[in-house]
Amino acid sequence: MKIIIFSAPSGTGKSSVIRELLKQTDLNLAFSISTTSRAPRGSERDGVEYYFVTAERFQEKIKQQAFIEWQEVYAGNYYGTYASEIERLSAMGKNIVFDLDVFGGINLKKHFGDKALAIFLQPPSLEELKKRLEHRQTDTPEKIAMRIDKAAYEIEQAVYFDKIVVNDNLQVCVEEVAQLIRTFLNYW
């Protein structure tokens, strides 16, 4: 089992890149479903994109030490990875893909060390990121402004990742990342 970690500012395209990578059967990837206390967006479904729980339930799971990593990404919005989720996917003999916030990615990389490849997806610019977030039509202008402010700080954290890939063109980005993963899987 190998660990592939994706982190990026919100709206950079992590989900789109991961969705395309999961189609590449030679990579033998399975997606680790994170748990969050935020409400579903758009067509998100419980147990598919995330496990959705209340903030109170999330906090109970923290006390029970059920998470291998967790973060309060925005005030009252928690995200984390159940240790049982890693066990479930590992038992299937898959390489596990994580879609994590930047600090969750850094923490998971520290936990797994060389068994993990941590990839930071970077937007071409903050202006382009703002356009993508507006096009998504899931956040208020205030929330978008908050995400852009946070993105600038998150981009500074890219130095803690093994690889940085700019997502300017989805297909080019997917090809570049797939090659990084193939190299990583074949090296170990």
Foldseek 3Di string as FASTA:
>chain_A
DFEEEEAAQPLQQPVVLVVVLVVPVVQQEDEFAKEKQDDDFDPDDDPPNHPHDHLVVVVVCVVVVQFPDKDCPDVRMIITGGPVSVVVSVVVVGHYYYYDYLVRLLSVCVVCPLSYAYEYEYEPDLVVSLVSVVVVVGDDPVVSVVSSVVNVVSVVSRVSGPYYHYPPDSVVRSVVVSVVSVVSVVVD
